[in-house]
């Protein structure tokens, strides 16, 4: 039994988990219209680099605007279709997309839930790991909020803070004194990806 578990663990892959708003696209508050969705500069190329290194890229995002009634599910689907389209234009793809639509004060009863998937809880990462065969302890969580860092830390992943979106403010006003600190602070997703790839190269070299 122990041997089979060890073999399965070796087959699991590390992944790059990405927050959406403020990390992939411009932070606009609630994206309540398709025209408000804009990829940040360099995001497509950064994700393509991860694709080229065979590192799974998984978006994990809280979307309480759905629960609060600020936009319908059809718009969320349209926004994500646009995200996939824009990434594809840059030769990039996502390996997974996981959404928490819940909020304890949701207008829609379907979403009024104190769930286990709303970041900083780790339910989205755990679901992705089960469905995609991922090694969470060897994975990375990249986001612009301290809640993203806490989410990554909850599963033993390496957490990075990007200074896009709310990142610069979180670093100044929320981060000091926090028990959980980022393994690295990057200017944007492209810089975060560069740091991750360099770390993975060092990790590979050490095991050869």
N, C-alpha and C. Protein backbone atom coordinates (compact mmCIF):
# COMPACT_ATOMS: atom_id res chain seq x y z
N UNK A 1 0.83 -1.21 0.00
CA UNK A 1 0.00 0.00 0.00
C UNK A 1 0.87 1.26 0.00
N UNK A 2 1.89 1.27 0.88
CA UNK A 2 2.77 2.44 0.95
C UNK A 2 3.49 2.67 -0.37
N UNK A 3 3.90 1.58 -1.02
CA UNK A 3 4.59 1.69 -2.29
C UNK A 3 3.72 2.31 -3.37
N UNK A 4 2.44 1.92 -3.41
CA UNK A 4 1.52 2.48 -4.40
C UNK A 4 1.29 3.97 -4.14
N UNK A 5 1.18 4.35 -2.88
CA UNK A 5 1.00 5.76 -2.56
C UNK A 5 2.21 6.58 -2.97
N UNK A 6 3.40 6.05 -2.75
CA UNK A 6 4.62 6.77 -3.14
C UNK A 6 4.70 6.92 -4.66
N UNK A 7 4.30 5.87 -5.38
CA UNK A 7 4.32 5.92 -6.84
C UNK A 7 3.33 6.96 -7.35
N UNK A 8 2.13 6.99 -6.74
CA UNK A 8 1.13 7.98 -7.14
C UNK A 8 1.64 9.38 -6.87
N UNK A 9 2.30 9.59 -5.73
CA UNK A 9 2.82 10.90 -5.39
C UNK A 9 3.84 11.37 -6.41
N UNK A 10 4.66 10.43 -6.90
CA UNK A 10 5.67 10.79 -7.90
C UNK A 10 5.03 11.21 -9.21
N UNK A 11 3.85 10.67 -9.51
CA UNK A 11 3.18 11.00 -10.77
C UNK A 11 2.46 12.35 -10.71
N UNK A 12 2.17 12.84 -9.51
CA UNK A 12 1.48 14.12 -9.38
C UNK A 12 2.38 15.26 -9.87
N UNK A 13 1.76 16.26 -10.49
CA UNK A 13 2.52 17.37 -11.06
C UNK A 13 2.34 18.64 -10.23
N UNK A 14 3.36 19.47 -10.16
CA UNK A 14 3.17 20.79 -9.56
C UNK A 14 2.39 21.67 -10.54
N UNK A 15 1.62 22.58 -10.01
CA UNK A 15 0.83 23.48 -10.85
C UNK A 15 1.08 24.92 -10.44
N UNK A 16 0.70 25.82 -11.33
CA UNK A 16 0.73 27.25 -11.05
C UNK A 16 -0.71 27.71 -10.93
N UNK A 17 -1.13 28.02 -9.70
CA UNK A 17 -2.47 28.54 -9.46
C UNK A 17 -2.44 30.07 -9.57
N UNK A 18 -3.37 30.61 -10.32
CA UNK A 18 -3.43 32.06 -10.54
C UNK A 18 -4.77 32.62 -10.09
N UNK A 19 -4.71 33.67 -9.31
CA UNK A 19 -5.90 34.49 -9.07
C UNK A 19 -6.29 35.13 -10.41
N UNK A 20 -7.54 35.58 -10.52
CA UNK A 20 -7.97 36.21 -11.77
C UNK A 20 -7.86 37.73 -11.71
N UNK A 21 -8.80 38.38 -11.05
CA UNK A 21 -8.86 39.85 -11.07
C UNK A 21 -7.65 40.46 -10.37
N UNK A 22 -6.94 41.32 -11.07
CA UNK A 22 -5.77 41.97 -10.53
C UNK A 22 -4.48 41.22 -10.78
N UNK A 23 -4.60 39.98 -11.24
CA UNK A 23 -3.42 39.16 -11.54
C UNK A 23 -3.35 38.85 -13.03
N UNK A 24 -4.49 38.42 -13.58
CA UNK A 24 -4.59 38.13 -15.01
C UNK A 24 -5.18 39.32 -15.76
N UNK A 25 -6.24 39.87 -15.21
CA UNK A 25 -6.91 41.00 -15.86
C UNK A 25 -6.89 42.22 -14.96
N UNK A 26 -7.12 43.36 -15.56
CA UNK A 26 -7.11 44.63 -14.84
C UNK A 26 -8.16 44.60 -13.73
N UNK A 27 -7.77 45.06 -12.55
CA UNK A 27 -8.69 45.12 -11.41
C UNK A 27 -9.70 46.24 -11.64
N UNK A 28 -10.96 45.86 -11.85
CA UNK A 28 -12.01 46.84 -12.16
C UNK A 28 -13.14 46.79 -11.15
N UNK A 29 -12.89 46.22 -9.98
CA UNK A 29 -14.01 45.95 -9.08
C UNK A 29 -14.77 44.77 -9.64
N UNK A 30 -16.09 44.81 -9.61
CA UNK A 30 -16.88 43.73 -10.18
C UNK A 30 -16.95 43.89 -11.70
N UNK A 31 -16.61 42.82 -12.41
CA UNK A 31 -16.70 42.84 -13.88
C UNK A 31 -18.16 42.59 -14.25
N UNK A 32 -18.94 43.67 -14.29
CA UNK A 32 -20.37 43.52 -14.54
C UNK A 32 -20.76 43.79 -15.99
N UNK A 33 -19.74 43.91 -16.85
CA UNK A 33 -19.98 44.03 -18.29
C UNK A 33 -18.73 43.53 -19.01
N UNK A 34 -18.91 42.88 -20.14
CA UNK A 34 -17.78 42.29 -20.85
C UNK A 34 -16.73 43.33 -21.23
N UNK A 35 -17.17 44.56 -21.46
CA UNK A 35 -16.25 45.63 -21.87
C UNK A 35 -15.26 45.99 -20.76
N UNK A 36 -15.53 45.55 -19.53
CA UNK A 36 -14.65 45.87 -18.40
C UNK A 36 -13.54 44.84 -18.21
N UNK A 37 -13.51 43.81 -19.04
CA UNK A 37 -12.49 42.77 -18.90
C UNK A 37 -11.32 43.06 -19.84
N UNK A 38 -10.15 43.29 -19.26
CA UNK A 38 -8.94 43.57 -20.05
C UNK A 38 -7.76 42.79 -19.46
N UNK A 39 -7.11 41.99 -20.28
CA UNK A 39 -5.90 41.31 -19.82
C UNK A 39 -4.83 42.34 -19.48
N UNK A 40 -4.08 42.07 -18.42
CA UNK A 40 -2.94 42.91 -18.10
C UNK A 40 -1.81 42.66 -19.10
N UNK A 41 -0.96 43.65 -19.35
CA UNK A 41 0.14 43.47 -20.31
C UNK A 41 1.04 42.30 -19.93
N UNK A 42 1.38 41.50 -20.93
CA UNK A 42 2.34 40.41 -20.73
C UNK A 42 1.76 39.14 -20.17
N UNK A 43 0.48 39.13 -19.83
CA UNK A 43 -0.11 37.95 -19.19
C UNK A 43 -0.14 36.75 -20.14
N UNK A 44 -0.58 36.98 -21.37
CA UNK A 44 -0.64 35.88 -22.32
C UNK A 44 0.72 35.24 -22.54
N UNK A 45 1.72 36.05 -22.72
CA UNK A 45 3.08 35.53 -22.95
C UNK A 45 3.59 34.79 -21.71
N UNK A 46 3.28 35.30 -20.52
CA UNK A 46 3.72 34.65 -19.29
C UNK A 46 3.09 33.26 -19.14
N UNK A 47 1.80 33.16 -19.40
CA UNK A 47 1.13 31.86 -19.30
C UNK A 47 1.63 30.91 -20.38
N UNK A 48 1.89 31.45 -21.57
CA UNK A 48 2.45 30.61 -22.63
C UNK A 48 3.78 30.00 -22.21
N UNK A 49 4.62 30.75 -21.51
CA UNK A 49 5.90 30.22 -21.04
C UNK A 49 5.68 29.03 -20.09
N UNK A 50 4.69 29.14 -19.23
CA UNK A 50 4.38 28.02 -18.34
C UNK A 50 3.90 26.82 -19.14
N UNK A 51 3.05 27.07 -20.14
CA UNK A 51 2.60 25.99 -21.02
C UNK A 51 3.77 25.29 -21.68
N UNK A 52 4.73 26.07 -22.16
CA UNK A 52 5.89 25.52 -22.86
C UNK A 52 6.76 24.68 -21.94
N UNK A 53 6.72 24.95 -20.64
CA UNK A 53 7.48 24.16 -19.68
C UNK A 53 6.63 23.05 -19.06
N UNK A 54 5.47 22.79 -19.65
CA UNK A 54 4.60 21.70 -19.22
C UNK A 54 4.19 21.83 -17.76
N UNK A 55 3.97 23.07 -17.32
CA UNK A 55 3.49 23.32 -15.96
C UNK A 55 2.00 23.68 -16.04
N UNK A 56 1.14 22.89 -15.44
CA UNK A 56 -0.30 23.18 -15.49
C UNK A 56 -0.61 24.56 -14.91
N UNK A 57 -1.49 25.28 -15.58
CA UNK A 57 -1.90 26.62 -15.14
C UNK A 57 -3.39 26.56 -14.80
N UNK A 58 -3.71 26.90 -13.57
CA UNK A 58 -5.09 26.78 -13.08
C UNK A 58 -5.52 28.10 -12.45
N UNK A 59 -6.61 28.66 -12.93
CA UNK A 59 -7.16 29.89 -12.35
C UNK A 59 -8.13 29.52 -11.25
N UNK A 60 -7.98 30.18 -10.10
CA UNK A 60 -8.90 29.98 -8.96
C UNK A 60 -9.38 31.37 -8.54
N UNK A 61 -10.69 31.58 -8.59
CA UNK A 61 -11.20 32.94 -8.42
C UNK A 61 -12.49 32.98 -7.60
N UNK A 62 -12.54 33.91 -6.66
CA UNK A 62 -13.79 34.23 -5.96
C UNK A 62 -14.62 35.16 -6.85
N UNK A 63 -15.89 34.84 -7.01
CA UNK A 63 -16.77 35.70 -7.80
C UNK A 63 -18.07 35.94 -7.03
N UNK A 64 -17.94 36.66 -5.92
CA UNK A 64 -19.11 36.91 -5.08
C UNK A 64 -20.10 37.87 -5.74
N UNK A 65 -19.67 38.57 -6.80
CA UNK A 65 -20.60 39.43 -7.52
C UNK A 65 -21.78 38.66 -8.05
N UNK A 66 -21.56 37.38 -8.37
CA UNK A 66 -22.65 36.51 -8.82
C UNK A 66 -23.62 36.30 -7.66
N UNK A 67 -23.08 35.99 -6.47
CA UNK A 67 -23.91 35.77 -5.30
C UNK A 67 -24.67 37.04 -4.89
N UNK A 68 -24.02 38.19 -5.07
CA UNK A 68 -24.62 39.46 -4.66
C UNK A 68 -25.63 39.99 -5.67
N UNK A 69 -25.74 39.33 -6.81
CA UNK A 69 -26.69 39.74 -7.83
C UNK A 69 -26.21 40.88 -8.71
N UNK A 70 -24.89 41.11 -8.75
CA UNK A 70 -24.35 42.21 -9.56
C UNK A 70 -24.26 41.86 -11.03
N UNK A 71 -24.25 40.58 -11.35
CA UNK A 71 -24.24 40.14 -12.74
C UNK A 71 -24.75 38.70 -12.79
N UNK A 72 -25.25 38.26 -13.94
CA UNK A 72 -25.77 36.90 -14.07
C UNK A 72 -24.67 35.89 -14.40
N UNK A 73 -24.99 34.64 -14.23
CA UNK A 73 -24.05 33.57 -14.54
C UNK A 73 -23.64 33.60 -16.00
N UNK A 74 -24.56 34.02 -16.87
CA UNK A 74 -24.25 34.07 -18.30
C UNK A 74 -23.12 35.06 -18.57
N UNK A 75 -23.06 36.16 -17.82
CA UNK A 75 -21.96 37.12 -18.02
C UNK A 75 -20.65 36.53 -17.55
N UNK A 76 -20.66 35.84 -16.42
CA UNK A 76 -19.43 35.20 -15.94
C UNK A 76 -18.91 34.23 -16.99
N UNK A 77 -19.80 33.46 -17.59
CA UNK A 77 -19.40 32.53 -18.66
C UNK A 77 -18.82 33.29 -19.84
N UNK A 78 -19.43 34.42 -20.20
CA UNK A 78 -18.95 35.22 -21.33
C UNK A 78 -17.57 35.81 -21.03
N UNK A 79 -17.36 36.27 -19.81
CA UNK A 79 -16.06 36.82 -19.42
C UNK A 79 -14.98 35.75 -19.52
N UNK A 80 -15.30 34.56 -19.06
CA UNK A 80 -14.29 33.49 -19.10
C UNK A 80 -14.04 33.01 -20.52
N UNK A 81 -15.07 33.04 -21.36
CA UNK A 81 -14.86 32.72 -22.78
C UNK A 81 -13.93 33.75 -23.41
N UNK A 82 -14.12 35.03 -23.06
CA UNK A 82 -13.25 36.08 -23.58
C UNK A 82 -11.83 35.92 -23.06
N UNK A 83 -11.68 35.54 -21.80
CA UNK A 83 -10.34 35.30 -21.25
C UNK A 83 -9.63 34.20 -22.03
N UNK A 84 -10.32 33.09 -22.26
CA UNK A 84 -9.73 32.00 -23.04
C UNK A 84 -9.36 32.47 -24.45
N UNK A 85 -10.23 33.27 -25.05
CA UNK A 85 -9.99 33.75 -26.42
C UNK A 85 -8.74 34.63 -26.48
N UNK A 86 -8.64 35.56 -25.55
CA UNK A 86 -7.50 36.47 -25.55
C UNK A 86 -6.20 35.73 -25.26
N UNK A 87 -6.24 34.78 -24.36
CA UNK A 87 -5.04 33.99 -24.07
C UNK A 87 -4.63 33.17 -25.30
N UNK A 88 -5.62 32.61 -26.00
CA UNK A 88 -5.32 31.81 -27.19
C UNK A 88 -4.65 32.66 -28.26
N UNK A 89 -5.02 33.93 -28.37
CA UNK A 89 -4.38 34.82 -29.34
C UNK A 89 -2.89 34.97 -29.05
N UNK A 90 -2.51 34.80 -27.78
CA UNK A 90 -1.10 34.87 -27.40
C UNK A 90 -0.45 33.49 -27.37
N UNK A 91 -1.18 32.48 -27.83
CA UNK A 91 -0.64 31.12 -27.84
C UNK A 91 -0.65 30.46 -26.48
N UNK A 92 -1.51 30.94 -25.59
CA UNK A 92 -1.54 30.44 -24.21
C UNK A 92 -2.86 29.72 -23.93
N UNK A 93 -2.84 28.86 -22.93
CA UNK A 93 -4.04 28.13 -22.55
C UNK A 93 -4.05 27.90 -21.03
N UNK A 94 -5.24 27.67 -20.50
CA UNK A 94 -5.41 27.30 -19.11
C UNK A 94 -5.71 25.81 -19.02
N UNK A 95 -5.20 25.18 -17.99
CA UNK A 95 -5.48 23.76 -17.78
C UNK A 95 -6.67 23.55 -16.87
N UNK A 96 -7.08 24.59 -16.18
CA UNK A 96 -8.24 24.48 -15.32
C UNK A 96 -8.73 25.85 -14.90
N UNK A 97 -10.02 25.95 -14.59
CA UNK A 97 -10.63 27.20 -14.13
C UNK A 97 -11.65 26.83 -13.07
N UNK A 98 -11.43 27.29 -11.84
CA UNK A 98 -12.29 26.95 -10.72
C UNK A 98 -12.80 28.23 -10.07
N UNK A 99 -14.12 28.29 -9.88
CA UNK A 99 -14.78 29.50 -9.42
C UNK A 99 -15.55 29.23 -8.13
N UNK A 100 -15.40 30.13 -7.15
CA UNK A 100 -16.28 30.13 -5.98
C UNK A 100 -17.33 31.22 -6.19
N UNK A 101 -18.62 30.85 -6.32
CA UNK A 101 -19.68 31.84 -6.51
C UNK A 101 -20.40 32.19 -5.21
N UNK A 102 -19.89 31.74 -4.09
CA UNK A 102 -20.63 31.82 -2.83
C UNK A 102 -20.32 33.08 -2.02
N UNK A 103 -21.27 33.41 -1.15
CA UNK A 103 -21.05 34.45 -0.14
C UNK A 103 -22.10 34.26 0.94
N UNK A 104 -21.71 34.39 2.22
CA UNK A 104 -22.69 34.17 3.29
C UNK A 104 -23.89 35.10 3.24
N UNK A 105 -23.75 36.26 2.58
CA UNK A 105 -24.84 37.23 2.51
C UNK A 105 -25.41 37.35 1.10
N UNK A 106 -25.33 36.28 0.35
CA UNK A 106 -25.78 36.29 -1.04
C UNK A 106 -27.27 36.60 -1.15
N UNK A 107 -27.64 37.34 -2.19
CA UNK A 107 -29.05 37.60 -2.48
C UNK A 107 -29.73 36.34 -2.98
N UNK A 108 -29.00 35.60 -3.82
CA UNK A 108 -29.52 34.36 -4.39
C UNK A 108 -29.27 33.23 -3.40
N UNK A 109 -30.33 32.59 -2.98
CA UNK A 109 -30.22 31.54 -1.95
C UNK A 109 -29.30 30.41 -2.38
N UNK A 110 -29.21 30.16 -3.68
CA UNK A 110 -28.33 29.09 -4.17
C UNK A 110 -26.88 29.32 -3.77
N UNK A 111 -26.49 30.59 -3.65
CA UNK A 111 -25.10 30.93 -3.38
C UNK A 111 -24.87 31.39 -1.94
N UNK A 112 -25.93 31.37 -1.11
CA UNK A 112 -25.80 31.84 0.28
C UNK A 112 -25.26 30.68 1.12
N UNK A 113 -23.93 30.67 1.21
CA UNK A 113 -23.28 29.50 1.81
C UNK A 113 -21.94 29.90 2.42
N UNK A 114 -21.69 29.42 3.61
CA UNK A 114 -20.37 29.56 4.21
C UNK A 114 -19.55 28.36 3.75
N UNK A 115 -18.98 28.48 2.57
CA UNK A 115 -18.41 27.34 1.85
C UNK A 115 -16.96 27.08 2.25
N UNK A 116 -16.41 26.03 1.66
CA UNK A 116 -14.99 25.71 1.88
C UNK A 116 -14.14 26.12 0.68
N UNK A 117 -14.75 26.76 -0.32
CA UNK A 117 -14.00 27.08 -1.54
C UNK A 117 -13.67 28.56 -1.69
N UNK A 118 -14.27 29.41 -0.89
CA UNK A 118 -13.98 30.84 -1.02
C UNK A 118 -12.62 31.14 -0.42
N UNK A 119 -11.69 31.64 -1.26
CA UNK A 119 -10.38 32.01 -0.74
C UNK A 119 -10.52 33.03 0.38
N UNK A 120 -9.77 32.90 1.49
CA UNK A 120 -8.53 32.13 1.64
C UNK A 120 -8.67 30.66 1.97
N UNK A 121 -9.90 30.14 2.04
CA UNK A 121 -10.03 28.70 2.20
C UNK A 121 -9.51 28.02 0.94
N UNK A 122 -9.14 26.76 1.08
CA UNK A 122 -8.37 26.10 0.02
C UNK A 122 -9.17 25.11 -0.83
N UNK A 123 -10.49 25.17 -0.75
CA UNK A 123 -11.31 24.19 -1.44
C UNK A 123 -11.10 24.13 -2.94
N UNK A 124 -10.91 25.29 -3.58
CA UNK A 124 -10.71 25.29 -5.03
C UNK A 124 -9.41 24.58 -5.41
N UNK A 125 -8.35 24.83 -4.65
CA UNK A 125 -7.06 24.19 -4.92
C UNK A 125 -7.16 22.69 -4.69
N UNK A 126 -7.85 22.29 -3.64
CA UNK A 126 -7.99 20.87 -3.33
C UNK A 126 -8.82 20.16 -4.39
N UNK A 127 -9.86 20.81 -4.88
CA UNK A 127 -10.67 20.22 -5.96
C UNK A 127 -9.83 20.05 -7.22
N UNK A 128 -9.08 21.08 -7.58
CA UNK A 128 -8.22 21.00 -8.77
C UNK A 128 -7.19 19.89 -8.63
N UNK A 129 -6.62 19.75 -7.43
CA UNK A 129 -5.62 18.71 -7.21
C UNK A 129 -6.21 17.33 -7.43
N UNK A 130 -7.42 17.11 -6.93
CA UNK A 130 -8.08 15.81 -7.11
C UNK A 130 -8.37 15.54 -8.58
N UNK A 131 -8.88 16.54 -9.28
CA UNK A 131 -9.36 16.33 -10.64
C UNK A 131 -8.24 16.33 -11.68
N UNK A 132 -7.15 17.04 -11.40
CA UNK A 132 -6.08 17.19 -12.38
C UNK A 132 -4.80 16.46 -12.00
N UNK A 133 -4.78 15.82 -10.84
CA UNK A 133 -3.59 15.08 -10.43
C UNK A 133 -2.42 15.98 -10.10
N UNK A 134 -2.62 16.89 -9.16
CA UNK A 134 -1.62 17.91 -8.84
C UNK A 134 -1.01 17.68 -7.46
N UNK A 135 0.25 18.05 -7.34
CA UNK A 135 0.96 17.99 -6.07
C UNK A 135 0.94 19.39 -5.47
N UNK A 136 0.07 19.61 -4.51
CA UNK A 136 -0.11 20.95 -3.96
C UNK A 136 1.14 21.46 -3.26
N UNK A 137 1.85 20.58 -2.59
CA UNK A 137 3.04 21.01 -1.84
C UNK A 137 4.15 21.51 -2.75
N UNK A 138 4.15 21.08 -4.01
CA UNK A 138 5.16 21.52 -4.97
C UNK A 138 4.62 22.60 -5.90
N UNK A 139 3.40 23.06 -5.64
CA UNK A 139 2.75 24.02 -6.51
C UNK A 139 3.00 25.45 -6.04
N UNK A 140 2.49 26.39 -6.84
CA UNK A 140 2.63 27.82 -6.58
C UNK A 140 1.26 28.48 -6.63
N UNK A 141 1.07 29.47 -5.76
CA UNK A 141 -0.13 30.29 -5.79
C UNK A 141 0.29 31.73 -6.02
N UNK A 142 -0.25 32.35 -7.08
CA UNK A 142 0.12 33.72 -7.45
C UNK A 142 -1.12 34.59 -7.41
N UNK A 143 -1.06 35.68 -6.65
CA UNK A 143 -2.20 36.58 -6.57
C UNK A 143 -1.82 37.96 -6.08
N UNK A 144 -2.80 38.86 -6.09
CA UNK A 144 -2.55 40.24 -5.68
C UNK A 144 -3.13 40.56 -4.31
N UNK A 145 -3.68 39.56 -3.61
CA UNK A 145 -4.27 39.78 -2.30
C UNK A 145 -3.65 38.85 -1.26
N UNK A 146 -3.66 39.31 -0.02
CA UNK A 146 -3.12 38.47 1.05
C UNK A 146 -3.97 37.20 1.21
N UNK A 147 -5.23 37.26 0.85
CA UNK A 147 -6.07 36.06 0.91
C UNK A 147 -5.56 34.99 -0.04
N UNK A 148 -4.97 35.39 -1.16
CA UNK A 148 -4.38 34.41 -2.08
C UNK A 148 -3.18 33.72 -1.41
N UNK A 149 -2.36 34.51 -0.72
CA UNK A 149 -1.21 33.94 -0.04
C UNK A 149 -1.64 32.96 1.04
N UNK A 150 -2.65 33.33 1.79
CA UNK A 150 -3.15 32.45 2.85
C UNK A 150 -3.73 31.17 2.27
N UNK A 151 -4.38 31.28 1.14
CA UNK A 151 -4.94 30.11 0.47
C UNK A 151 -3.81 29.15 0.07
N UNK A 152 -2.76 29.67 -0.56
CA UNK A 152 -1.63 28.84 -0.94
C UNK A 152 -0.96 28.21 0.26
N UNK A 153 -0.78 28.99 1.32
CA UNK A 153 -0.12 28.48 2.52
C UNK A 153 -0.91 27.35 3.16
N UNK A 154 -2.23 27.38 3.03
CA UNK A 154 -3.08 26.37 3.66
C UNK A 154 -2.83 24.97 3.11
N UNK A 155 -2.30 24.89 1.88
CA UNK A 155 -2.03 23.57 1.28
C UNK A 155 -0.54 23.33 1.11
N UNK A 156 0.29 24.21 1.67
CA UNK A 156 1.73 24.03 1.59
C UNK A 156 2.35 24.49 0.29
N UNK A 157 1.59 25.23 -0.53
CA UNK A 157 2.12 25.73 -1.80
C UNK A 157 3.02 26.94 -1.55
N UNK A 158 3.85 27.26 -2.53
CA UNK A 158 4.70 28.46 -2.47
C UNK A 158 3.89 29.63 -3.01
N UNK A 159 3.72 30.68 -2.20
CA UNK A 159 2.85 31.80 -2.56
C UNK A 159 3.65 33.02 -2.99
N UNK A 160 3.21 33.64 -4.08
CA UNK A 160 3.84 34.85 -4.59
C UNK A 160 2.80 35.97 -4.65
N UNK A 161 3.24 37.18 -4.32
CA UNK A 161 2.39 38.36 -4.43
C UNK A 161 2.81 39.17 -5.64
N UNK A 162 1.85 39.53 -6.49
CA UNK A 162 2.14 40.44 -7.60
C UNK A 162 1.65 41.84 -7.22
N UNK A 163 2.33 42.85 -7.72
CA UNK A 163 2.03 44.23 -7.35
C UNK A 163 1.00 44.88 -8.26
N UNK A 164 0.44 44.12 -9.18
CA UNK A 164 -0.68 44.61 -9.98
C UNK A 164 -1.95 44.52 -9.12
N UNK A 165 -3.06 45.05 -9.64
CA UNK A 165 -4.31 44.98 -8.88
C UNK A 165 -4.18 45.63 -7.51
N UNK A 166 -4.57 44.89 -6.47
CA UNK A 166 -4.49 45.39 -5.10
C UNK A 166 -3.13 45.09 -4.46
N UNK A 167 -2.22 44.48 -5.21
CA UNK A 167 -0.99 43.98 -4.61
C UNK A 167 -0.14 45.01 -3.92
N UNK A 168 0.04 46.15 -4.58
CA UNK A 168 0.93 47.17 -3.99
C UNK A 168 0.35 47.69 -2.68
N UNK A 169 -0.97 47.89 -2.63
CA UNK A 169 -1.60 48.35 -1.40
C UNK A 169 -1.59 47.28 -0.32
N UNK A 170 -1.85 46.03 -0.71
CA UNK A 170 -1.82 44.95 0.28
C UNK A 170 -0.43 44.81 0.89
N UNK A 171 0.58 44.97 0.06
CA UNK A 171 1.95 44.85 0.56
C UNK A 171 2.24 45.93 1.60
N UNK A 172 1.74 47.13 1.36
CA UNK A 172 2.02 48.26 2.26
C UNK A 172 1.17 48.25 3.52
N UNK A 173 -0.14 47.95 3.37
CA UNK A 173 -1.07 48.21 4.46
C UNK A 173 -1.62 46.96 5.13
N UNK A 174 -1.62 45.83 4.44
CA UNK A 174 -2.15 44.60 5.01
C UNK A 174 -1.03 43.64 5.39
N UNK A 175 0.02 43.61 4.58
CA UNK A 175 1.08 42.63 4.77
C UNK A 175 1.92 42.76 6.02
N UNK A 176 2.34 43.96 6.40
CA UNK A 176 3.22 44.08 7.56
C UNK A 176 2.59 43.46 8.82
N UNK A 177 3.37 42.61 9.47
CA UNK A 177 2.90 41.97 10.69
C UNK A 177 2.13 40.69 10.48
N UNK A 178 1.81 40.35 9.21
CA UNK A 178 1.10 39.11 8.95
C UNK A 178 2.02 37.91 9.18
N UNK A 179 1.45 36.84 9.72
CA UNK A 179 2.24 35.63 9.97
C UNK A 179 2.68 35.00 8.65
N UNK A 180 1.82 35.07 7.65
CA UNK A 180 2.13 34.48 6.34
C UNK A 180 2.68 35.57 5.44
N UNK A 181 3.85 35.31 4.86
CA UNK A 181 4.51 36.25 3.98
C UNK A 181 4.78 35.58 2.63
N UNK A 182 4.82 36.35 1.55
CA UNK A 182 5.09 35.75 0.23
C UNK A 182 6.52 35.26 0.13
N UNK A 183 6.68 34.16 -0.60
CA UNK A 183 8.04 33.68 -0.89
C UNK A 183 8.76 34.65 -1.82
N UNK A 184 7.97 35.41 -2.59
CA UNK A 184 8.55 36.38 -3.53
C UNK A 184 7.50 37.43 -3.84
N UNK A 185 7.94 38.66 -4.02
CA UNK A 185 7.07 39.75 -4.47
C UNK A 185 7.51 40.13 -5.88
N UNK A 186 6.59 40.05 -6.83
CA UNK A 186 6.91 40.31 -8.24
C UNK A 186 6.13 41.51 -8.75
N UNK A 187 6.72 42.23 -9.68
CA UNK A 187 6.08 43.40 -10.24
C UNK A 187 4.78 43.05 -10.94
N UNK A 188 4.77 41.91 -11.62
CA UNK A 188 3.57 41.48 -12.35
C UNK A 188 3.67 39.98 -12.60
N UNK A 189 2.71 39.43 -13.35
CA UNK A 189 2.69 37.99 -13.56
C UNK A 189 3.91 37.53 -14.35
N UNK A 190 4.34 38.31 -15.32
CA UNK A 190 5.52 37.92 -16.11
C UNK A 190 6.74 37.75 -15.21
N UNK A 191 6.92 38.68 -14.27
CA UNK A 191 8.06 38.58 -13.35
C UNK A 191 7.89 37.41 -12.40
N UNK A 192 6.66 37.14 -11.97
CA UNK A 192 6.41 35.98 -11.11
C UNK A 192 6.75 34.68 -11.83
N UNK A 193 6.35 34.59 -13.09
CA UNK A 193 6.63 33.39 -13.88
C UNK A 193 8.14 33.19 -14.05
N UNK A 194 8.86 34.28 -14.30
CA UNK A 194 10.31 34.18 -14.43
C UNK A 194 10.92 33.60 -13.15
N UNK A 195 10.48 34.08 -12.01
CA UNK A 195 10.99 33.59 -10.72
C UNK A 195 10.67 32.11 -10.53
N UNK A 196 9.44 31.73 -10.88
CA UNK A 196 9.03 30.33 -10.74
C UNK A 196 9.87 29.42 -11.63
N UNK A 197 10.07 29.81 -12.87
CA UNK A 197 10.82 28.97 -13.80
C UNK A 197 12.28 28.83 -13.35
N UNK A 198 12.85 29.89 -12.84
CA UNK A 198 14.22 29.80 -12.33
C UNK A 198 14.28 28.87 -11.12
N UNK A 199 13.30 28.94 -10.27
CA UNK A 199 13.26 28.06 -9.09
C UNK A 199 13.07 26.61 -9.50
N UNK A 200 12.23 26.36 -10.50
CA UNK A 200 12.01 25.00 -10.98
C UNK A 200 13.27 24.45 -11.64
N UNK A 201 14.01 25.29 -12.34
CA UNK A 201 15.28 24.82 -12.94
C UNK A 201 16.27 24.41 -11.86
N UNK A 202 16.35 25.21 -10.81
CA UNK A 202 17.24 24.85 -9.70
C UNK A 202 16.80 23.56 -9.03
N UNK A 203 15.50 23.41 -8.87
CA UNK A 203 14.95 22.19 -8.24
C UNK A 203 15.28 20.98 -9.09
N UNK A 204 15.13 21.10 -10.40
CA UNK A 204 15.43 19.98 -11.29
C UNK A 204 16.91 19.63 -11.26
N UNK A 205 17.75 20.66 -11.26
CA UNK A 205 19.20 20.43 -11.23
C UNK A 205 19.63 19.70 -9.96
N UNK A 206 18.97 19.98 -8.86
CA UNK A 206 19.32 19.36 -7.58
C UNK A 206 18.94 17.89 -7.54
N UNK A 207 17.96 17.48 -8.35
CA UNK A 207 17.53 16.09 -8.33
C UNK A 207 18.22 15.24 -9.38
N UNK A 208 19.04 15.86 -10.21
CA UNK A 208 19.75 15.10 -11.27
C UNK A 208 21.03 14.48 -10.73
